[in-house]
């Protein structure tokens, strides 16, 4: 997880479709690790599998207001704090 998000459902991952994407991702993870004071990176790297979109009611969660019912901007570059946890 990250920050206050704990559990495997919050893990970060990079999924690739091609060998070229795999190589780029591996190189980037190695760069990040070298620049980090940590001895490992938790980000999973794996081949992309079938993707199943979530049900419609899960889409645009922040834009619809999340748990608070107060919509949030989803514009690129927005720096508002995410309030989806109520």
N, C-alpha and C. Protein backbone atom coordinates (compact mmCIF):
# COMPACT_ATOMS: atom_id res chain seq x y z
N UNK A 1 0.81 -1.19 0.00
CA UNK A 1 0.00 0.00 0.00
C UNK A 1 0.85 1.26 0.00
N UNK A 2 0.18 2.36 0.04
CA UNK A 2 0.84 3.65 0.05
C UNK A 2 0.16 4.54 1.08
N UNK A 3 0.95 5.26 1.83
CA UNK A 3 0.37 6.15 2.83
C UNK A 3 -0.48 5.36 3.81
N UNK A 4 -1.73 5.80 3.99
CA UNK A 4 -2.64 5.13 4.90
C UNK A 4 -3.32 3.91 4.30
N UNK A 5 -3.07 3.63 3.03
CA UNK A 5 -3.70 2.49 2.36
C UNK A 5 -2.86 1.24 2.59
N UNK A 6 -3.40 0.28 3.30
CA UNK A 6 -2.66 -0.93 3.65
C UNK A 6 -3.41 -2.14 3.10
N UNK A 7 -2.67 -3.07 2.55
CA UNK A 7 -3.28 -4.29 2.03
C UNK A 7 -2.91 -4.51 0.58
N UNK A 8 -2.99 -5.75 0.15
CA UNK A 8 -2.57 -6.09 -1.21
C UNK A 8 -3.41 -5.41 -2.28
N UNK A 9 -4.66 -5.04 -1.95
CA UNK A 9 -5.51 -4.37 -2.95
C UNK A 9 -5.01 -2.97 -3.30
N UNK A 10 -4.06 -2.45 -2.52
CA UNK A 10 -3.50 -1.12 -2.78
C UNK A 10 -2.10 -1.18 -3.40
N UNK A 11 -1.60 -2.35 -3.70
CA UNK A 11 -0.27 -2.47 -4.28
C UNK A 11 -0.19 -1.75 -5.62
N UNK A 12 0.98 -1.21 -5.92
CA UNK A 12 1.20 -0.60 -7.22
C UNK A 12 1.75 -1.66 -8.17
N UNK A 13 1.47 -1.47 -9.45
CA UNK A 13 1.92 -2.44 -10.45
C UNK A 13 2.08 -1.78 -11.80
N UNK A 14 2.95 -2.35 -12.61
CA UNK A 14 3.12 -1.96 -14.00
C UNK A 14 2.89 -3.23 -14.82
N UNK A 15 1.93 -3.17 -15.72
CA UNK A 15 1.64 -4.32 -16.57
C UNK A 15 1.99 -3.95 -18.01
N UNK A 16 2.71 -4.82 -18.68
CA UNK A 16 3.17 -4.56 -20.04
C UNK A 16 2.48 -5.49 -21.02
N UNK A 17 2.42 -5.02 -22.29
CA UNK A 17 1.84 -5.81 -23.38
C UNK A 17 2.92 -6.35 -24.31
N UNK A 18 4.04 -5.65 -24.39
CA UNK A 18 5.10 -6.04 -25.32
C UNK A 18 6.43 -6.17 -24.59
N UNK A 19 7.38 -6.84 -25.22
CA UNK A 19 8.72 -6.96 -24.65
C UNK A 19 9.36 -5.58 -24.50
N UNK A 20 9.10 -4.69 -25.45
CA UNK A 20 9.65 -3.33 -25.38
C UNK A 20 9.12 -2.61 -24.14
N UNK A 21 7.83 -2.71 -23.88
CA UNK A 21 7.26 -2.10 -22.69
C UNK A 21 7.85 -2.71 -21.42
N UNK A 22 8.07 -4.03 -21.44
CA UNK A 22 8.66 -4.71 -20.29
C UNK A 22 10.06 -4.15 -20.02
N UNK A 23 10.86 -4.00 -21.06
CA UNK A 23 12.22 -3.49 -20.92
C UNK A 23 12.22 -2.07 -20.38
N UNK A 24 11.36 -1.22 -20.92
CA UNK A 24 11.28 0.18 -20.46
C UNK A 24 10.88 0.22 -18.98
N UNK A 25 9.91 -0.60 -18.60
CA UNK A 25 9.45 -0.61 -17.22
C UNK A 25 10.55 -1.12 -16.29
N UNK A 26 11.25 -2.17 -16.68
CA UNK A 26 12.34 -2.69 -15.86
C UNK A 26 13.43 -1.64 -15.68
N UNK A 27 13.78 -0.95 -16.76
CA UNK A 27 14.80 0.09 -16.67
C UNK A 27 14.36 1.22 -15.74
N UNK A 28 13.11 1.61 -15.83
CA UNK A 28 12.61 2.70 -14.99
C UNK A 28 12.61 2.28 -13.52
N UNK A 29 12.17 1.06 -13.22
CA UNK A 29 12.19 0.59 -11.84
C UNK A 29 13.62 0.54 -11.29
N UNK A 30 14.58 0.14 -12.13
CA UNK A 30 15.99 0.12 -11.71
C UNK A 30 16.49 1.53 -11.42
N UNK A 31 16.10 2.51 -12.26
CA UNK A 31 16.48 3.91 -12.03
C UNK A 31 15.93 4.41 -10.70
N UNK A 32 14.66 4.12 -10.46
CA UNK A 32 14.02 4.57 -9.22
C UNK A 32 14.70 3.93 -8.01
N UNK A 33 15.02 2.66 -8.11
CA UNK A 33 15.69 1.97 -7.00
C UNK A 33 17.07 2.56 -6.73
N UNK A 34 17.83 2.86 -7.77
CA UNK A 34 19.16 3.46 -7.60
C UNK A 34 19.07 4.83 -6.94
N UNK A 35 18.01 5.58 -7.25
CA UNK A 35 17.84 6.92 -6.71
C UNK A 35 17.21 6.90 -5.31
N UNK A 36 16.79 5.75 -4.87
CA UNK A 36 16.09 5.62 -3.59
C UNK A 36 17.05 5.18 -2.48
N UNK A 37 16.67 5.48 -1.26
CA UNK A 37 17.45 5.00 -0.12
C UNK A 37 16.98 3.61 0.31
N UNK A 38 15.94 3.11 -0.34
CA UNK A 38 15.39 1.80 -0.02
C UNK A 38 16.17 0.71 -0.75
N UNK A 39 16.09 -0.50 -0.23
CA UNK A 39 16.79 -1.62 -0.87
C UNK A 39 15.86 -2.41 -1.80
N UNK A 40 14.59 -2.03 -1.85
CA UNK A 40 13.65 -2.72 -2.74
C UNK A 40 12.50 -1.80 -3.11
N UNK A 41 11.81 -2.17 -4.16
CA UNK A 41 10.63 -1.45 -4.61
C UNK A 41 9.48 -2.45 -4.62
N UNK A 42 8.36 -2.08 -4.07
CA UNK A 42 7.23 -3.00 -3.95
C UNK A 42 6.40 -3.09 -5.22
N UNK A 43 6.65 -2.25 -6.19
CA UNK A 43 5.85 -2.25 -7.41
C UNK A 43 6.03 -3.56 -8.17
N UNK A 44 4.90 -4.20 -8.45
CA UNK A 44 4.89 -5.45 -9.21
C UNK A 44 5.05 -5.15 -10.69
N UNK A 45 5.78 -6.00 -11.39
CA UNK A 45 5.93 -5.89 -12.84
C UNK A 45 5.46 -7.21 -13.44
N UNK A 46 4.47 -7.14 -14.32
CA UNK A 46 3.95 -8.37 -14.89
C UNK A 46 3.29 -8.16 -16.24
N UNK A 47 3.06 -9.26 -16.92
CA UNK A 47 2.43 -9.21 -18.23
C UNK A 47 0.94 -8.90 -18.06
N UNK A 48 0.43 -8.02 -18.91
CA UNK A 48 -0.99 -7.64 -18.86
C UNK A 48 -1.86 -8.86 -19.15
N UNK A 49 -2.94 -8.95 -18.43
CA UNK A 49 -3.92 -10.02 -18.62
C UNK A 49 -5.23 -9.39 -19.07
N UNK A 50 -6.26 -10.18 -19.16
CA UNK A 50 -7.58 -9.66 -19.51
C UNK A 50 -7.99 -8.64 -18.46
N UNK A 51 -8.50 -7.49 -18.92
CA UNK A 51 -8.93 -6.43 -18.01
C UNK A 51 -10.46 -6.39 -18.01
N UNK A 52 -11.02 -6.43 -16.83
CA UNK A 52 -12.47 -6.36 -16.67
C UNK A 52 -12.81 -5.03 -16.00
N UNK A 53 -13.43 -4.10 -16.74
CA UNK A 53 -13.80 -2.82 -16.12
C UNK A 53 -14.79 -3.03 -14.97
N UNK A 54 -14.70 -2.17 -13.97
CA UNK A 54 -15.63 -2.24 -12.84
C UNK A 54 -17.03 -1.84 -13.30
N UNK A 55 -18.01 -2.16 -12.47
CA UNK A 55 -19.39 -1.80 -12.77
C UNK A 55 -19.52 -0.29 -12.89
N UNK A 56 -20.55 0.15 -13.60
CA UNK A 56 -20.75 1.57 -13.88
C UNK A 56 -20.78 2.42 -12.59
N UNK A 57 -21.37 1.90 -11.51
CA UNK A 57 -21.47 2.70 -10.30
C UNK A 57 -20.11 2.94 -9.63
N UNK A 58 -19.07 2.24 -10.06
CA UNK A 58 -17.73 2.48 -9.54
C UNK A 58 -16.97 3.54 -10.36
N UNK A 59 -17.47 3.91 -11.51
CA UNK A 59 -16.78 4.84 -12.39
C UNK A 59 -16.97 6.28 -11.94
N UNK A 60 -15.98 7.12 -12.22
CA UNK A 60 -16.01 8.56 -11.89
C UNK A 60 -16.35 8.79 -10.42
N UNK A 61 -15.73 8.00 -9.55
CA UNK A 61 -16.02 8.05 -8.11
C UNK A 61 -15.83 9.45 -7.53
N UNK A 62 -14.68 10.07 -7.77
CA UNK A 62 -14.41 11.40 -7.21
C UNK A 62 -15.30 12.45 -7.86
N UNK A 63 -15.48 12.34 -9.16
CA UNK A 63 -16.30 13.30 -9.88
C UNK A 63 -17.75 13.29 -9.37
N UNK A 64 -18.23 12.12 -8.96
CA UNK A 64 -19.59 11.99 -8.43
C UNK A 64 -19.68 12.33 -6.95
N UNK A 65 -18.54 12.49 -6.28
CA UNK A 65 -18.55 12.93 -4.89
C UNK A 65 -18.13 11.91 -3.86
N UNK A 66 -17.78 10.70 -4.30
CA UNK A 66 -17.31 9.69 -3.35
C UNK A 66 -18.26 9.50 -2.18
N UNK A 67 -17.71 9.26 -1.00
CA UNK A 67 -18.52 9.06 0.20
C UNK A 67 -19.13 10.35 0.72
N UNK A 68 -18.50 11.48 0.41
CA UNK A 68 -18.96 12.75 0.97
C UNK A 68 -20.11 13.36 0.19
N UNK A 69 -20.28 12.96 -1.05
CA UNK A 69 -21.32 13.54 -1.89
C UNK A 69 -20.94 14.89 -2.46
N UNK A 70 -19.70 15.33 -2.18
CA UNK A 70 -19.21 16.62 -2.69
C UNK A 70 -18.27 16.33 -3.86
N UNK A 71 -18.71 16.62 -5.08
CA UNK A 71 -17.87 16.31 -6.25
C UNK A 71 -16.51 16.98 -6.18
N UNK A 72 -15.51 16.30 -6.77
CA UNK A 72 -14.16 16.84 -6.85
C UNK A 72 -13.75 16.95 -8.31
N UNK A 73 -12.86 17.90 -8.57
CA UNK A 73 -12.34 18.07 -9.92
C UNK A 73 -11.49 16.87 -10.32
N UNK A 74 -11.66 16.45 -11.55
CA UNK A 74 -10.84 15.36 -12.08
C UNK A 74 -9.98 15.87 -13.23
N UNK A 75 -9.87 17.18 -13.33
CA UNK A 75 -9.08 17.79 -14.39
C UNK A 75 -7.60 17.46 -14.23
N UNK A 76 -6.93 17.24 -15.33
CA UNK A 76 -5.49 16.97 -15.30
C UNK A 76 -4.77 18.15 -14.66
N UNK A 77 -3.84 17.85 -13.76
CA UNK A 77 -3.08 18.90 -13.09
C UNK A 77 -3.74 19.40 -11.82
N UNK A 78 -4.93 18.93 -11.51
CA UNK A 78 -5.61 19.35 -10.29
C UNK A 78 -4.78 18.93 -9.07
N UNK A 79 -4.65 19.82 -8.10
CA UNK A 79 -3.85 19.52 -6.90
C UNK A 79 -4.69 19.46 -5.63
N UNK A 80 -6.01 19.42 -5.77
CA UNK A 80 -6.88 19.32 -4.59
C UNK A 80 -6.60 18.02 -3.87
N UNK A 81 -6.72 18.03 -2.55
CA UNK A 81 -6.57 16.82 -1.76
C UNK A 81 -7.75 15.89 -2.04
N UNK A 82 -7.47 14.62 -2.26
CA UNK A 82 -8.53 13.65 -2.52
C UNK A 82 -9.26 13.37 -1.22
N UNK A 83 -10.59 13.49 -1.25
CA UNK A 83 -11.40 13.31 -0.04
C UNK A 83 -12.28 12.07 -0.13
N UNK A 84 -11.85 11.04 -0.80
CA UNK A 84 -12.73 9.90 -1.04
C UNK A 84 -12.94 9.01 0.18
N UNK A 85 -12.27 9.25 1.27
CA UNK A 85 -12.41 8.40 2.44
C UNK A 85 -13.31 9.02 3.51
N UNK A 86 -14.05 10.04 3.12
CA UNK A 86 -15.00 10.62 4.05
C UNK A 86 -14.36 11.41 5.09
